């Protein structure tokens, strides 16, 4: 071992930067479980069949969130410079 870093490619990563807001956006879908009041079915000691019948009556299921993030880099307009430095925006 010589200590030399072995890489499959010597080329650098291709970076991209967009010049206008909205040119490139990233969307993600996140699914959250709705947990009923009092906890889930396992904490109450229910059986699977009892749990399934209660699901059909109570509307317990999933909520979906779809955040859309713009790729254009810029400072948030309403943040003071101190928080921008702490967040690494500068």
Protein backbone atom coordinates (compact mmCIF):
# COMPACT_ATOMS: atom_id res chain seq x y z
CA UNK A 1 0.00 0.00 0.00
CA UNK A 2 1.44 3.32 -1.05
CA UNK A 3 -1.24 5.52 0.46
CA UNK A 4 -2.26 6.76 -2.98
CA UNK A 5 -5.97 7.23 -3.47
CA UNK A 6 -7.27 4.78 -6.07
CA UNK A 7 -10.25 5.98 -8.06
CA UNK A 8 -11.95 4.53 -11.09
CA UNK A 9 -12.03 7.93 -12.79
CA UNK A 10 -9.78 10.97 -12.55
CA UNK A 11 -12.44 13.34 -13.89
CA UNK A 12 -14.22 15.73 -11.57
CA UNK A 13 -17.94 15.74 -11.03
CA UNK A 14 -20.03 17.77 -13.46
CA UNK A 15 -21.63 20.64 -11.55
CA UNK A 16 -24.56 22.67 -12.76
CA UNK A 17 -25.92 26.03 -11.74
CA UNK A 18 -29.07 27.58 -13.09
CA UNK A 19 -29.28 31.29 -13.80
CA UNK A 20 -33.00 31.85 -13.14
CA UNK A 21 -35.39 30.69 -10.43
CA UNK A 22 -37.65 27.88 -11.62
CA UNK A 23 -35.31 26.43 -14.25
CA UNK A 24 -34.71 23.27 -12.25
CA UNK A 25 -36.74 22.02 -9.31
CA UNK A 26 -36.58 18.90 -7.15
CA UNK A 27 -39.78 17.26 -5.92
CA UNK A 28 -40.05 14.62 -3.22
CA UNK A 29 -43.04 12.70 -1.90
CA UNK A 30 -43.18 11.90 1.82
CA UNK A 31 -45.82 9.64 3.33
CA UNK A 32 -46.82 10.07 6.98
CA UNK A 33 -48.90 7.53 8.91
CA UNK A 34 -51.93 8.80 10.75
CA UNK A 35 -51.83 7.36 14.26
CA UNK A 36 -55.19 7.36 16.08
CA UNK A 37 -55.76 8.90 19.51
CA UNK A 38 -54.46 6.60 22.23
CA UNK A 39 -51.70 5.08 20.12
CA UNK A 40 -51.54 2.33 17.56
CA UNK A 41 -53.27 -1.02 17.59
CA UNK A 42 -50.31 -2.88 19.07
CA UNK A 43 -50.18 -0.62 22.14
CA UNK A 44 -53.85 -1.36 22.85
CA UNK A 45 -53.40 -5.12 22.40
CA UNK A 46 -55.78 -5.48 19.45
CA UNK A 47 -55.64 -8.39 17.05
CA UNK A 48 -54.93 -7.87 13.37
CA UNK A 49 -58.54 -8.57 12.31
CA UNK A 50 -59.93 -6.14 14.88
CA UNK A 51 -57.38 -3.57 13.71
CA UNK A 52 -58.38 -3.96 10.04
CA UNK A 53 -62.10 -3.54 10.76
CA UNK A 54 -61.43 -0.38 12.78
CA UNK A 55 -59.30 1.05 9.96
CA UNK A 56 -62.24 0.94 7.59
CA UNK A 57 -64.40 2.96 10.02
CA UNK A 58 -62.03 5.62 11.34
CA UNK A 59 -60.28 6.91 8.22
CA UNK A 60 -56.85 6.08 9.58
CA UNK A 61 -54.34 5.96 6.75
CA UNK A 62 -51.64 8.17 5.31
CA UNK A 63 -51.07 11.87 4.72
CA UNK A 64 -48.86 12.88 1.81
CA UNK A 65 -46.55 15.87 1.61
CA UNK A 66 -44.94 16.89 -1.69
CA UNK A 67 -42.21 19.48 -1.09
CA UNK A 68 -40.86 21.24 -4.19
CA UNK A 69 -37.39 22.78 -3.86
CA UNK A 70 -36.04 25.24 -6.40
CA UNK A 71 -32.43 24.63 -7.40
CA UNK A 72 -31.55 28.31 -7.95
CA UNK A 73 -29.10 29.39 -5.23
CA UNK A 74 -29.84 32.69 -3.52
CA UNK A 75 -30.01 34.15 -0.02
CA UNK A 76 -33.38 34.07 1.71
CA UNK A 77 -34.61 37.68 1.57
CA UNK A 78 -35.97 37.92 5.11
CA UNK A 79 -33.04 36.49 7.07
CA UNK A 80 -30.48 38.69 8.83
CA UNK A 81 -26.81 38.21 7.85
CA UNK A 82 -25.97 36.56 11.19
CA UNK A 83 -28.28 33.58 10.55
CA UNK A 84 -27.05 33.32 6.95
CA UNK A 85 -23.49 32.89 8.24
CA UNK A 86 -24.60 30.28 10.80
CA UNK A 87 -26.58 28.36 8.17
CA UNK A 88 -23.70 28.41 5.69
CA UNK A 89 -25.43 30.52 3.00
CA UNK A 90 -22.45 32.82 2.50
